[in-house]
């Protein structure tokens, strides 16, 4: 009962291939949920199932994103300051605030560093959003499940 894989068109140069809407994944499993377990896709609230003391079943959702709304700024700055070049240029810009060693306007020294940090943060945000969209597409694909119980 397997479906033949759909032929994909070659992607134009520089672009990623998109999955077709009709494709399904095939999952072979010998670990099906116990009889009577509620299906989360059937509309049962996860919280109600958990509070009722029922067995908590793991889901197959794919999550490859690095950030959440609250963690984006701290994690991104942490990653950017692990690059030695960023630390060096911020140190030089901050050194311009010391009157004995400043070479030019202190505010002007921070502009290029802040610009590079902002552009890199925007690039990381865009990549993470693209990963989120890709995860959403994969998580909402149809799925065929083959198991030893279904053959009975």
N, C-alpha and C. Protein backbone atom coordinates (compact mmCIF):
# COMPACT_ATOMS: atom_id res chain seq x y z
N UNK A 1 0.82 -1.19 0.00
CA UNK A 1 0.00 0.00 0.00
C UNK A 1 0.87 1.25 0.00
N UNK A 2 2.10 1.12 -0.43
CA UNK A 2 2.97 2.28 -0.48
C UNK A 2 2.68 3.09 -1.73
N UNK A 3 2.81 4.39 -1.61
CA UNK A 3 2.61 5.25 -2.75
C UNK A 3 3.93 5.47 -3.45
N UNK A 4 3.88 5.58 -4.74
CA UNK A 4 5.10 5.86 -5.51
C UNK A 4 5.52 7.29 -5.23
N UNK A 5 6.81 7.54 -5.05
CA UNK A 5 7.24 8.90 -4.80
C UNK A 5 6.94 9.80 -5.99
N UNK A 6 6.46 10.99 -5.68
CA UNK A 6 6.13 11.94 -6.74
C UNK A 6 7.40 12.50 -7.33
N UNK A 7 7.41 12.64 -8.63
CA UNK A 7 8.60 13.20 -9.29
C UNK A 7 8.66 14.69 -9.00
N UNK A 8 9.83 15.13 -8.55
CA UNK A 8 9.98 16.54 -8.25
C UNK A 8 10.66 17.23 -9.41
N UNK A 9 10.25 18.46 -9.66
CA UNK A 9 10.86 19.25 -10.71
C UNK A 9 12.21 19.73 -10.22
N UNK A 10 13.17 19.87 -11.13
CA UNK A 10 14.45 20.41 -10.68
C UNK A 10 14.28 21.86 -10.26
N UNK A 11 14.93 22.22 -9.17
CA UNK A 11 14.81 23.57 -8.65
C UNK A 11 15.65 24.53 -9.47
N UNK A 12 15.17 25.77 -9.66
CA UNK A 12 15.98 26.76 -10.35
C UNK A 12 17.25 27.03 -9.53
N UNK A 13 18.32 27.46 -10.17
CA UNK A 13 19.57 27.71 -9.43
C UNK A 13 19.34 28.70 -8.30
N UNK A 14 19.88 28.39 -7.13
CA UNK A 14 19.76 29.29 -5.99
C UNK A 14 18.47 29.15 -5.21
N UNK A 15 17.58 28.26 -5.58
CA UNK A 15 16.32 28.12 -4.87
C UNK A 15 16.18 26.70 -4.35
N UNK A 16 15.50 26.56 -3.23
CA UNK A 16 15.28 25.25 -2.65
C UNK A 16 14.04 24.62 -3.26
N UNK A 17 14.02 23.28 -3.26
CA UNK A 17 12.84 22.57 -3.75
C UNK A 17 11.74 22.64 -2.70
N UNK A 18 10.52 22.78 -3.16
CA UNK A 18 9.36 22.78 -2.26
C UNK A 18 8.66 21.44 -2.39
N UNK A 19 8.14 20.95 -1.31
CA UNK A 19 7.41 19.68 -1.35
C UNK A 19 6.05 19.90 -2.01
N UNK A 20 5.61 18.89 -2.70
CA UNK A 20 4.29 18.97 -3.29
C UNK A 20 3.25 18.71 -2.21
N UNK A 21 2.06 19.29 -2.38
CA UNK A 21 1.02 19.17 -1.37
C UNK A 21 0.49 17.75 -1.21
N UNK A 22 0.52 16.93 -2.26
CA UNK A 22 -0.05 15.60 -2.20
C UNK A 22 0.85 14.54 -1.61
N UNK A 23 2.07 14.87 -1.23
CA UNK A 23 3.01 13.85 -0.75
C UNK A 23 2.68 13.44 0.67
N UNK A 24 2.98 12.20 0.98
CA UNK A 24 2.81 11.70 2.34
C UNK A 24 4.09 11.03 2.78
N UNK A 25 4.29 10.99 4.07
CA UNK A 25 5.42 10.27 4.62
C UNK A 25 4.97 8.85 4.93
N UNK A 26 5.90 7.92 4.94
CA UNK A 26 5.60 6.54 5.31
C UNK A 26 6.34 6.24 6.58
N UNK A 27 5.62 5.80 7.60
CA UNK A 27 6.21 5.47 8.89
C UNK A 27 5.90 4.02 9.19
N UNK A 28 6.91 3.25 9.52
CA UNK A 28 6.72 1.86 9.92
C UNK A 28 6.96 1.79 11.41
N UNK A 29 5.97 1.29 12.13
CA UNK A 29 6.08 1.29 13.58
C UNK A 29 5.52 0.01 14.17
N UNK A 30 6.18 -0.46 15.19
CA UNK A 30 5.61 -1.57 15.96
C UNK A 30 5.16 -1.05 17.32
N UNK A 31 5.26 0.25 17.53
CA UNK A 31 4.88 0.87 18.79
C UNK A 31 3.69 1.79 18.59
N UNK A 32 2.52 1.23 18.55
CA UNK A 32 1.32 2.03 18.43
C UNK A 32 0.82 2.39 19.83
N UNK A 33 0.09 3.49 19.97
CA UNK A 33 -0.45 3.83 21.29
C UNK A 33 -1.42 2.75 21.76
N UNK A 34 -1.55 2.58 23.07
CA UNK A 34 -2.46 1.56 23.58
C UNK A 34 -3.90 1.85 23.16
N UNK A 35 -4.73 0.81 23.06
CA UNK A 35 -6.13 1.04 22.68
C UNK A 35 -6.80 1.95 23.69
N UNK A 36 -7.59 2.87 23.20
CA UNK A 36 -8.30 3.80 24.07
C UNK A 36 -7.54 5.09 24.29
N UNK A 37 -6.29 5.17 23.86
CA UNK A 37 -5.53 6.41 24.00
C UNK A 37 -6.10 7.42 23.02
N UNK A 38 -6.23 8.65 23.48
CA UNK A 38 -6.84 9.68 22.64
C UNK A 38 -5.84 10.17 21.61
N UNK A 39 -6.36 10.48 20.46
CA UNK A 39 -5.54 11.02 19.38
C UNK A 39 -5.53 12.54 19.51
N UNK A 40 -4.34 13.18 19.64
CA UNK A 40 -4.32 14.62 19.78
C UNK A 40 -4.87 15.33 18.55
N UNK A 41 -4.82 14.69 17.37
CA UNK A 41 -5.35 15.32 16.17
C UNK A 41 -6.87 15.30 16.15
N UNK A 42 -7.47 14.46 16.98
CA UNK A 42 -8.93 14.35 17.00
C UNK A 42 -9.58 15.46 17.81
N UNK A 43 -8.80 16.38 18.33
CA UNK A 43 -9.38 17.51 19.03
C UNK A 43 -9.30 17.40 20.54
N UNK A 44 -8.73 16.37 21.09
CA UNK A 44 -8.61 16.26 22.53
C UNK A 44 -7.56 17.24 23.02
N UNK A 45 -7.88 17.92 24.09
CA UNK A 45 -6.93 18.90 24.64
C UNK A 45 -5.79 18.16 25.33
N UNK A 46 -4.56 18.56 25.02
CA UNK A 46 -3.41 17.89 25.62
C UNK A 46 -3.42 18.09 27.14
N UNK A 47 -3.74 19.28 27.58
CA UNK A 47 -3.74 19.56 29.01
C UNK A 47 -4.75 18.71 29.76
N UNK A 48 -5.93 18.50 29.17
CA UNK A 48 -6.96 17.70 29.82
C UNK A 48 -6.51 16.25 29.95
N UNK A 49 -5.84 15.74 28.91
CA UNK A 49 -5.34 14.37 28.97
C UNK A 49 -4.29 14.24 30.05
N UNK A 50 -3.43 15.22 30.15
CA UNK A 50 -2.34 15.16 31.13
C UNK A 50 -2.88 15.26 32.55
N UNK A 51 -3.84 16.17 32.78
CA UNK A 51 -4.39 16.36 34.13
C UNK A 51 -5.21 15.15 34.57
N UNK A 52 -5.81 14.45 33.61
CA UNK A 52 -6.64 13.31 33.96
C UNK A 52 -5.80 12.11 34.40
N UNK A 53 -4.48 12.22 34.30
CA UNK A 53 -3.62 11.13 34.73
C UNK A 53 -3.39 10.09 33.66
N UNK A 54 -3.83 10.37 32.44
CA UNK A 54 -3.62 9.41 31.34
C UNK A 54 -2.14 9.40 30.97
N UNK A 55 -1.75 8.36 30.29
CA UNK A 55 -0.36 8.23 29.86
C UNK A 55 -0.03 9.34 28.86
N UNK A 56 1.10 10.00 29.08
CA UNK A 56 1.53 11.06 28.17
C UNK A 56 2.28 10.43 27.00
N UNK A 57 1.78 10.64 25.79
CA UNK A 57 2.39 10.06 24.59
C UNK A 57 3.25 11.11 23.91
N UNK A 58 4.43 10.71 23.48
CA UNK A 58 5.31 11.62 22.76
C UNK A 58 4.76 11.83 21.35
N UNK A 59 5.04 13.01 20.81
CA UNK A 59 4.60 13.26 19.44
C UNK A 59 5.81 13.26 18.52
N UNK A 60 5.56 13.31 17.24
CA UNK A 60 6.62 13.23 16.24
C UNK A 60 6.97 14.59 15.66
N UNK A 61 6.58 15.65 16.28
CA UNK A 61 6.81 16.97 15.69
C UNK A 61 8.29 17.26 15.55
N UNK A 62 8.61 17.84 14.43
CA UNK A 62 9.98 18.23 14.13
C UNK A 62 10.15 19.69 14.52
N UNK A 63 11.20 20.00 15.26
CA UNK A 63 11.47 21.38 15.66
C UNK A 63 12.97 21.64 15.52
N UNK A 64 13.34 22.40 14.50
CA UNK A 64 14.75 22.69 14.27
C UNK A 64 15.09 24.15 14.52
N UNK A 65 14.13 24.94 14.98
CA UNK A 65 14.40 26.35 15.24
C UNK A 65 15.28 26.51 16.47
N UNK A 66 16.07 27.58 16.47
CA UNK A 66 16.97 27.84 17.59
C UNK A 66 16.36 28.79 18.61
N UNK A 67 15.48 29.68 18.17
CA UNK A 67 15.04 30.79 19.01
C UNK A 67 13.55 30.75 19.28
N UNK A 68 13.16 31.42 20.38
CA UNK A 68 11.77 31.77 20.64
C UNK A 68 11.72 33.30 20.69
N UNK A 69 10.54 33.86 20.88
CA UNK A 69 10.45 35.32 20.95
C UNK A 69 11.25 35.89 22.12
N UNK A 70 11.23 35.20 23.24
CA UNK A 70 11.94 35.70 24.42
C UNK A 70 13.43 35.42 24.37
N UNK A 71 13.83 34.35 23.71
CA UNK A 71 15.25 33.97 23.75
C UNK A 71 16.05 34.50 22.58
N UNK A 72 15.41 35.17 21.61
CA UNK A 72 16.15 35.57 20.41
C UNK A 72 17.29 36.51 20.73
N UNK A 73 17.02 37.62 21.40
CA UNK A 73 18.05 38.63 21.64
C UNK A 73 19.20 38.10 22.49
N UNK A 74 18.94 37.48 23.65
CA UNK A 74 20.08 36.99 24.44
C UNK A 74 20.90 35.90 23.73
N UNK A 75 20.22 34.94 23.12
CA UNK A 75 20.95 33.86 22.45
C UNK A 75 21.73 34.38 21.25
N UNK A 76 21.13 35.29 20.50
CA UNK A 76 21.79 35.81 19.32
C UNK A 76 23.02 36.63 19.69
N UNK A 77 22.90 37.48 20.69
CA UNK A 77 24.07 38.26 21.13
C UNK A 77 25.15 37.34 21.68
N UNK A 78 24.76 36.32 22.41
CA UNK A 78 25.72 35.36 22.94
C UNK A 78 26.49 34.69 21.81
N UNK A 79 25.77 34.28 20.75
CA UNK A 79 26.43 33.64 19.61
C UNK A 79 27.33 34.62 18.86
N UNK A 80 26.88 35.87 18.72
CA UNK A 80 27.68 36.83 17.96
C UNK A 80 28.95 37.22 18.71
N UNK A 81 28.88 37.27 20.03
CA UNK A 81 30.08 37.66 20.78
C UNK A 81 31.01 36.47 21.02
N UNK A 82 30.66 35.31 20.51
CA UNK A 82 31.61 34.21 20.49
C UNK A 82 32.57 34.33 19.31
N UNK A 83 32.24 35.23 18.39
CA UNK A 83 33.15 35.53 17.28
C UNK A 83 34.14 36.58 17.77
N UNK A 84 35.39 36.27 17.71
CA UNK A 84 36.44 37.13 18.26
C UNK A 84 36.46 38.50 17.58
N UNK A 85 36.16 38.56 16.30
CA UNK A 85 36.17 39.83 15.58
C UNK A 85 35.14 40.79 16.16
N UNK A 86 33.94 40.30 16.49
CA UNK A 86 32.92 41.17 17.08
C UNK A 86 33.37 41.71 18.43
N UNK A 87 33.96 40.88 19.25
CA UNK A 87 34.44 41.33 20.56
C UNK A 87 35.53 42.39 20.38
N UNK A 88 36.42 42.16 19.44
CA UNK A 88 37.52 43.10 19.20
C UNK A 88 36.97 44.47 18.79
N UNK A 89 36.05 44.52 17.82
CA UNK A 89 35.55 45.80 17.34
C UNK A 89 34.69 46.51 18.39
N UNK A 90 33.97 45.77 19.20
CA UNK A 90 33.23 46.42 20.30
C UNK A 90 34.21 46.99 21.32
N UNK A 91 35.28 46.26 21.60
CA UNK A 91 36.30 46.77 22.53
C UNK A 91 36.93 48.06 22.00
N UNK A 92 37.27 48.10 20.72
CA UNK A 92 37.85 49.31 20.11
C UNK A 92 36.85 50.46 20.17
N UNK A 93 35.58 50.18 19.88
CA UNK A 93 34.57 51.23 19.92
C UNK A 93 34.38 51.75 21.33
N UNK A 94 34.41 50.86 22.32
CA UNK A 94 34.26 51.30 23.71
C UNK A 94 35.51 52.05 24.18
N UNK A 95 36.63 51.72 23.64
CA UNK A 95 37.87 52.41 23.99
C UNK A 95 37.82 53.88 23.55
N UNK A 96 37.03 54.18 22.53
CA UNK A 96 36.88 55.56 22.08
C UNK A 96 36.11 56.41 23.08
N UNK A 97 35.45 55.81 24.04
CA UNK A 97 34.75 56.59 25.07
C UNK A 97 35.70 57.06 26.16
N UNK A 98 36.92 56.54 26.20
CA UNK A 98 37.93 57.00 27.16
C UNK A 98 38.58 58.25 26.56
N UNK A 99 38.50 59.41 27.26
CA UNK A 99 38.98 60.66 26.66
C UNK A 99 40.49 60.65 26.32
N UNK A 100 41.29 59.91 27.05
CA UNK A 100 42.74 59.94 26.81
C UNK A 100 43.13 59.21 25.52
N UNK A 101 42.34 58.25 25.08
CA UNK A 101 42.72 57.45 23.91
C UNK A 101 41.74 57.55 22.74
N UNK A 102 40.73 58.42 22.82
CA UNK A 102 39.76 58.44 21.73
C UNK A 102 40.37 59.04 20.47
N UNK A 103 40.06 58.46 19.33
CA UNK A 103 40.59 58.91 18.06
C UNK A 103 39.59 59.80 17.32
N UNK A 104 38.31 59.52 17.49
CA UNK A 104 37.26 60.30 16.86
C UNK A 104 36.01 60.19 17.72
N UNK A 105 34.91 60.71 17.24
CA UNK A 105 33.68 60.73 18.03
C UNK A 105 33.31 59.33 18.52
N UNK A 106 33.03 59.19 19.82
CA UNK A 106 32.71 57.85 20.35
C UNK A 106 31.45 57.24 19.74
N UNK A 107 30.43 58.04 19.50
CA UNK A 107 29.20 57.52 18.91
C UNK A 107 29.41 57.01 17.50
N UNK A 108 30.30 57.67 16.78
CA UNK A 108 30.60 57.27 15.41
C UNK A 108 31.33 55.93 15.36
N UNK A 109 32.08 55.62 16.39
CA UNK A 109 32.81 54.35 16.41
C UNK A 109 31.87 53.16 16.61
N UNK A 110 30.75 53.39 17.30
CA UNK A 110 29.80 52.30 17.55
C UNK A 110 28.91 51.99 16.34
N UNK A 111 28.74 52.94 15.44
CA UNK A 111 27.81 52.77 14.32
C UNK A 111 28.13 51.54 13.46
N UNK A 112 29.36 51.35 12.97
CA UNK A 112 29.61 50.18 12.12
C UNK A 112 29.42 48.86 12.86
N UNK A 113 29.83 48.83 14.14
CA UNK A 113 29.70 47.59 14.92
C UNK A 113 28.22 47.26 15.12
N UNK A 114 27.43 48.25 15.48
CA UNK A 114 25.99 48.02 15.68
C UNK A 114 25.31 47.64 14.37
N UNK A 115 25.75 48.22 13.27
CA UNK A 115 25.18 47.86 11.97
C UNK A 115 25.46 46.39 11.65
N UNK A 116 26.69 45.95 11.85
CA UNK A 116 27.05 44.55 11.57
C UNK A 116 26.27 43.61 12.48
N UNK A 117 26.15 43.95 13.77
CA UNK A 117 25.39 43.12 14.70
C UNK A 117 23.92 43.04 14.30
N UNK A 118 23.35 44.18 13.85
CA UNK A 118 21.93 44.20 13.46
C UNK A 118 21.70 43.38 12.18
N UNK A 119 22.59 43.51 11.21
CA UNK A 119 22.42 42.77 9.95
C UNK A 119 22.55 41.26 10.21
N UNK A 120 23.51 40.89 11.05
CA UNK A 120 23.68 39.47 11.37
C UNK A 120 22.47 38.94 12.14
N UNK A 121 21.93 39.74 13.06
CA UNK A 121 20.75 39.32 13.82
C UNK A 121 19.55 39.15 12.88
N UNK A 122 19.39 40.07 11.93
CA UNK A 122 18.29 39.95 10.98
C UNK A 122 18.44 38.70 10.12
N UNK A 123 19.67 38.41 9.68
CA UNK A 123 19.93 37.21 8.88
C UNK A 123 19.59 35.95 9.69
N UNK A 124 20.01 35.92 10.97
CA UNK A 124 19.71 34.76 11.82
C UNK A 124 18.21 34.62 12.05
N UNK A 125 17.52 35.75 12.21
CA UNK A 125 16.08 35.72 12.39
C UNK A 125 15.39 35.17 11.14
N UNK A 126 15.84 35.59 9.97
CA UNK A 126 15.24 35.12 8.72
C UNK A 126 15.48 33.62 8.54
N UNK A 127 16.70 33.16 8.84
CA UNK A 127 17.00 31.73 8.72
C UNK A 127 16.15 30.91 9.68
N UNK A 128 15.97 31.41 10.90
CA UNK A 128 15.17 30.68 11.88
C UNK A 128 13.71 30.65 11.46
N UNK A 129 13.21 31.74 10.89
CA UNK A 129 11.83 31.76 10.40
C UNK A 129 11.66 30.77 9.24
N UNK A 130 12.67 30.69 8.37
CA UNK A 130 12.61 29.72 7.27
C UNK A 130 12.59 28.29 7.80
N UNK A 131 13.39 28.03 8.84
CA UNK A 131 13.37 26.69 9.45
C UNK A 131 11.99 26.41 10.05
N UNK A 132 11.38 27.43 10.69
CA UNK A 132 10.05 27.26 11.28
C UNK A 132 9.02 26.91 10.21
N UNK A 133 9.08 27.61 9.06
CA UNK A 133 8.15 27.31 7.97
C UNK A 133 8.36 25.90 7.43
N UNK A 134 9.62 25.51 7.28
CA UNK A 134 9.93 24.16 6.79
C UNK A 134 9.43 23.11 7.77
N UNK A 135 9.64 23.34 9.08
CA UNK A 135 9.14 22.42 10.10
C UNK A 135 7.63 22.30 10.02
N UNK A 136 6.95 23.42 9.84
CA UNK A 136 5.49 23.42 9.75
C UNK A 136 5.02 22.59 8.56
N UNK A 137 5.69 22.76 7.41
CA UNK A 137 5.32 21.98 6.22
C UNK A 137 5.51 20.49 6.46
N UNK A 138 6.62 20.11 7.04
CA UNK A 138 6.89 18.69 7.29
C UNK A 138 5.95 18.12 8.34
N UNK A 139 5.66 18.90 9.39
CA UNK A 139 4.79 18.41 10.46
C UNK A 139 3.35 18.25 10.01
N UNK A 140 2.95 18.91 8.93
CA UNK A 140 1.58 18.80 8.46
C UNK A 140 1.44 17.95 7.20
N UNK A 141 2.46 17.16 6.89
CA UNK A 141 2.34 16.20 5.79
C UNK A 141 1.44 15.04 6.23
N UNK A 142 0.78 14.45 5.27
CA UNK A 142 0.04 13.24 5.57
C UNK A 142 1.01 12.12 5.91
N UNK A 143 0.52 11.11 6.61
CA UNK A 143 1.42 10.06 7.06
C UNK A 143 0.71 8.72 6.97
N UNK A 144 1.38 7.75 6.35
CA UNK A 144 0.88 6.38 6.32
C UNK A 144 1.65 5.59 7.37
N UNK A 145 0.94 4.89 8.25
CA UNK A 145 1.60 4.12 9.31
C UNK A 145 1.36 2.65 9.06
N UNK A 146 2.43 1.91 8.96
CA UNK A 146 2.36 0.46 8.79
C UNK A 146 2.83 -0.17 10.09
N UNK A 147 2.05 -1.12 10.59
CA UNK A 147 2.46 -1.80 11.82
C UNK A 147 2.04 -3.26 11.73
N UNK A 148 2.52 -4.04 12.68
CA UNK A 148 2.17 -5.46 12.68
C UNK A 148 0.71 -5.65 13.03
N UNK A 149 0.11 -4.74 13.80
CA UNK A 149 -1.30 -4.87 14.17
C UNK A 149 -2.23 -4.59 13.00
N UNK A 150 -1.82 -3.70 12.08
CA UNK A 150 -2.73 -3.35 10.99
C UNK A 150 -2.86 -4.48 9.96
N UNK A 151 -1.95 -5.44 10.00
CA UNK A 151 -2.01 -6.56 9.05
C UNK A 151 -2.93 -7.68 9.56
N UNK A 152 -3.40 -7.59 10.78
CA UNK A 152 -4.23 -8.66 11.34
C UNK A 152 -5.62 -8.66 10.82
